[in-house]
Amino acid sequence: MRLTRIIMAITVGMAVVAVPAAAGAAQPQPQPTSTLPGPPQPYPPGPASLTLSDPSVFVGETVDIIGRNFGPNETVDIVIVRRPMDGGGAGGGAPSDDPDTESEDRASDTTTLTARTNSRGEFVRPFTPRRTGVYTITATGRTSGLSASTELRVLRRHHEPPHHKPPHHLPVTGSSLETPMKIGGGLVATGTLLLLGTVLWRRRNRLGAGGTH
């Protein structure tokens, strides 16, 4: 009898311990988090930039204006403002020998161009400067409003002489005509004497020939 009670007590105790464990196993377990990386997020584009294929060129050489990070497939207005270099209009800061060329180089002027960006907001626009100076180039997108600037220095080739105008013809004065007139008069007088001498010589020969008959 006592053994039966001991067995029943052990059985009840085991049942009490098994019930909480079974209840915990029946509860839903949290799903494990995935450690695989997702698709890369696109980075926001940087500020618009404007660069040149060469920041310093000679007159007549073509340079590429390169724009990046503008709006995709938009029209870009390019404004180019030229100003004279410090120390004069000629390349390298030396003054020009031609006053007309120097005055033209010292006058500022503005040129307007347009370009079209691709799907990545990039464009390349060639530009050929015809005068020396420092060119400030500013590009602005019509749709995005993004803007960027850069500078270009244009120099004169060292082996190219300045463009001089032909000298004006000076008026001819009387003293300038005096010497040519004297020479011409002497030649006319000499020719006249030779002609008279020839005529007299022929006449004498004719008379001599008539006297022999």
Protein backbone atom coordinates (compact mmCIF):
# COMPACT_ATOMS: atom_id res chain seq x y z
CA MET A 1 0.00 0.00 0.00
CA ARG A 2 2.75 2.34 0.92
CA LEU A 3 4.62 1.39 -2.26
CA THR A 4 1.55 2.21 -4.34
CA ARG A 5 1.31 5.69 -2.83
CA ILE A 6 4.97 6.34 -3.54
CA ILE A 7 4.51 5.33 -7.20
CA MET A 8 1.46 7.56 -7.56
CA ALA A 9 3.30 10.51 -6.02
CA ILE A 10 6.18 10.10 -8.44
CA THR A 11 3.77 9.86 -11.36
CA VAL A 12 1.94 13.05 -10.33
CA GLY A 13 5.19 14.90 -9.90
CA MET A 14 6.39 13.93 -13.34
CA ALA A 15 3.08 15.05 -14.82
CA VAL A 16 3.34 18.46 -13.13
CA VAL A 17 6.82 18.97 -14.52
CA ALA A 18 5.88 17.86 -18.06
CA VAL A 19 2.87 20.20 -18.45
CA PRO A 20 4.83 23.55 -18.48
CA ALA A 21 7.41 22.12 -20.85
CA ALA A 22 4.74 20.98 -23.24
CA ALA A 23 3.04 24.39 -23.03
CA GLY A 24 6.30 26.17 -23.83
CA ALA A 25 6.93 23.94 -26.83
CA ALA A 26 3.43 24.65 -28.16
CA GLN A 27 4.01 28.42 -28.22
CA PRO A 28 5.03 29.86 -31.67
CA GLN A 29 8.76 30.46 -31.93
CA PRO A 30 10.05 33.81 -33.39
CA GLN A 31 11.14 33.59 -37.00
CA PRO A 32 14.92 33.94 -37.51
CA THR A 33 15.93 37.26 -39.10
CA SER A 34 17.49 37.08 -42.55
CA THR A 35 21.12 38.13 -42.76
CA LEU A 36 21.22 38.37 -46.56
CA PRO A 37 21.76 41.96 -47.84
CA GLY A 38 18.97 43.52 -49.82
CA PRO A 39 19.31 45.32 -53.17
CA PRO A 40 21.71 48.29 -53.02
CA GLN A 41 19.99 51.60 -52.48
CA PRO A 42 20.81 54.26 -55.13
CA TYR A 43 23.01 57.04 -53.82
CA PRO A 44 21.71 60.58 -54.30
CA PRO A 45 23.59 62.39 -57.10
CA GLY A 46 26.28 64.84 -56.05
CA PRO A 47 26.24 68.55 -56.87
CA ALA A 48 26.44 69.58 -60.52
CA SER A 49 30.00 70.00 -61.77
CA LEU A 50 31.59 71.65 -64.79
CA THR A 51 35.11 70.80 -66.01
CA LEU A 52 37.24 71.35 -69.13
CA SER A 53 39.33 68.99 -71.23
CA ASP A 54 42.13 71.58 -70.89
CA PRO A 55 41.97 74.63 -68.58
CA SER A 56 44.45 76.62 -70.73
CA VAL A 57 44.51 76.69 -74.55
CA PHE A 58 45.74 78.89 -77.38
CA VAL A 59 43.53 81.00 -79.64
CA GLY A 60 41.80 78.81 -82.23
CA GLU A 61 42.11 75.55 -80.27
CA THR A 62 38.94 73.62 -79.36
CA VAL A 63 38.21 72.71 -75.74
CA ASP A 64 35.44 70.39 -74.44
CA ILE A 65 33.08 71.70 -71.76
CA ILE A 66 32.09 68.67 -69.64
CA GLY A 67 29.05 68.73 -67.33
CA ARG A 68 28.05 66.09 -64.77
CA ASN A 69 25.20 65.52 -62.26
CA PHE A 70 22.70 67.74 -64.07
CA GLY A 71 19.12 66.69 -64.67
CA PRO A 72 18.62 63.72 -67.02
CA ASN A 73 17.72 64.54 -70.61
CA GLU A 74 17.44 68.28 -70.05
CA THR A 75 18.63 71.33 -71.94
CA VAL A 76 21.53 73.19 -70.34
CA ASP A 77 22.23 76.87 -71.02
CA ILE A 78 25.95 77.73 -71.14
CA VAL A 79 26.94 81.39 -70.69
CA ILE A 80 30.58 82.27 -71.46
CA VAL A 81 31.84 85.68 -70.31
CA ARG A 82 35.29 86.76 -71.55
CA ARG A 83 37.36 89.36 -69.74
CA PRO A 84 40.91 90.60 -70.46
CA MET A 85 43.87 89.06 -68.72
CA ASP A 86 45.75 90.96 -66.05
CA GLY A 87 48.50 93.10 -67.56
CA GLY A 88 47.13 93.43 -71.08
CA GLY A 89 45.19 91.71 -73.78
CA ALA A 90 47.91 89.53 -75.30
CA GLY A 91 48.62 86.01 -74.13
CA GLY A 92 50.88 85.58 -71.14
CA GLY A 93 50.14 89.07 -69.81
CA ALA A 94 52.34 90.88 -72.36
CA PRO A 95 50.84 93.90 -74.12
CA SER A 96 50.16 93.64 -77.81
CA ASP A 97 52.09 95.65 -80.42
CA ASP A 98 48.91 96.28 -82.37
CA PRO A 99 46.75 98.94 -80.67
CA ASP A 100 43.63 97.76 -82.50
CA THR A 101 44.12 94.14 -81.39
CA GLU A 102 44.87 95.26 -77.85
CA SER A 103 41.72 97.36 -77.64
CA GLU A 104 39.62 94.43 -78.90
CA ASP A 105 41.16 92.03 -76.36
CA ARG A 106 40.48 94.49 -73.52
CA ALA A 107 36.78 94.63 -74.33
CA SER A 108 34.64 92.04 -72.52
CA ASP A 109 32.04 90.00 -74.39
CA THR A 110 29.51 87.22 -73.77
CA THR A 111 28.77 84.02 -75.72
CA THR A 112 25.74 81.76 -75.17
CA LEU A 113 25.64 78.04 -76.01
CA THR A 114 23.27 75.14 -75.26
CA ALA A 115 23.81 71.44 -74.59
CA ARG A 116 21.64 68.36 -74.00
CA THR A 117 22.31 65.94 -71.14
CA ASN A 118 22.01 62.17 -71.39
CA SER A 119 20.04 59.90 -69.04
CA ARG A 120 22.80 60.26 -66.41
CA GLY A 121 22.75 64.07 -66.52
CA GLU A 122 26.06 64.37 -68.43
CA PHE A 123 26.98 66.42 -71.49
CA VAL A 124 30.03 67.41 -73.57
CA ARG A 125 30.01 70.67 -75.55
CA PRO A 126 32.98 71.76 -77.72
CA PHE A 127 34.00 75.43 -77.72
CA THR A 128 36.62 77.24 -79.84
CA PRO A 129 37.74 80.64 -78.50
CA ARG A 130 38.82 83.25 -81.06
CA ARG A 131 40.30 85.87 -78.71
CA THR A 132 42.64 85.86 -75.76
CA GLY A 133 41.40 86.38 -72.21
CA VAL A 134 39.93 84.63 -69.18
CA TYR A 135 36.60 82.93 -69.92
CA THR A 136 34.13 82.30 -67.07
CA ILE A 137 31.82 79.44 -68.14
CA THR A 138 28.52 78.86 -66.29
CA ALA A 139 26.09 76.03 -67.11
CA THR A 140 22.50 75.96 -65.78
CA GLY A 141 19.91 73.23 -66.31
CA ARG A 142 16.57 74.54 -67.54
CA THR A 143 14.52 71.86 -65.78
CA SER A 144 16.56 71.02 -62.68
CA GLY A 145 17.91 74.52 -62.04
CA LEU A 146 21.31 72.96 -61.20
CA SER A 147 24.27 75.21 -61.97
CA ALA A 148 28.08 74.99 -62.03
CA SER A 149 30.96 77.20 -63.24
CA THR A 150 34.59 76.95 -64.32
CA GLU A 151 37.30 79.14 -65.92
CA LEU A 152 39.30 78.89 -69.14
CA ARG A 153 42.48 80.83 -70.02
CA VAL A 154 43.09 81.53 -73.71
CA LEU A 155 46.60 82.59 -74.77
CA ARG A 156 48.13 83.89 -78.00
CA ARG A 157 50.62 81.62 -79.70
CA HIS A 158 54.17 82.89 -79.20
CA HIS A 159 55.20 82.38 -82.83
CA GLU A 160 52.23 84.34 -84.19
CA PRO A 161 53.12 88.00 -84.89
CA PRO A 162 50.51 90.63 -84.08
CA HIS A 163 48.13 91.49 -86.88
CA HIS A 164 49.41 94.80 -88.25
CA LYS A 165 47.51 96.85 -90.74
CA PRO A 166 49.27 97.73 -94.02
CA PRO A 167 50.88 101.18 -93.96
CA HIS A 168 48.96 103.99 -95.54
CA HIS A 169 50.29 105.51 -98.77
CA LEU A 170 51.95 108.83 -98.05
CA PRO A 171 51.16 111.81 -100.31
CA VAL A 172 53.81 112.57 -102.93
CA THR A 173 55.33 116.05 -102.60
CA GLY A 174 57.18 118.18 -105.16
CA SER A 175 60.59 117.39 -103.65
CA SER A 176 59.82 113.69 -104.03
CA LEU A 177 59.06 114.16 -107.75
CA GLU A 178 62.09 116.33 -108.49
CA THR A 179 64.67 113.57 -108.87
CA PRO A 180 62.54 111.25 -111.08
CA MET A 181 61.66 114.21 -113.32
CA LYS A 182 65.33 115.14 -113.75
CA ILE A 183 66.22 111.59 -114.69
CA GLY A 184 63.33 111.37 -117.12
CA GLY A 185 64.23 114.69 -118.71
CA GLY A 186 67.83 113.55 -119.18
CA LEU A 187 66.72 110.34 -120.86
CA VAL A 188 64.42 112.25 -123.21
CA ALA A 189 67.22 114.64 -124.18
CA THR A 190 69.62 111.77 -124.81
CA GLY A 191 67.06 110.00 -126.99
CA THR A 192 66.45 113.16 -129.00
CA LEU A 193 70.17 113.65 -129.67
CA LEU A 194 70.55 110.04 -130.77
CA LEU A 195 67.58 110.39 -133.12
CA LEU A 196 68.99 113.60 -134.69
CA GLY A 197 72.37 111.98 -135.06
CA THR A 198 70.85 109.00 -136.83
CA VAL A 199 68.88 111.23 -139.23
CA LEU A 200 71.98 113.30 -140.11
CA TRP A 201 74.06 110.18 -140.62
CA ARG A 202 71.51 108.70 -143.05
CA ARG A 203 71.22 111.98 -144.97
CA ARG A 204 75.00 112.24 -145.33
CA ASN A 205 75.16 108.71 -146.60
CA ARG A 206 72.50 109.44 -149.18
CA LEU A 207 74.30 112.55 -150.43
CA GLY A 208 77.55 110.67 -150.68
CA ALA A 209 75.93 107.91 -152.62
CA GLY A 210 74.36 110.41 -155.08
CA GLY A 211 77.70 112.12 -155.79
CA THR A 212 79.40 108.96 -156.97
CA HIS A 213 77.22 108.61 -160.14
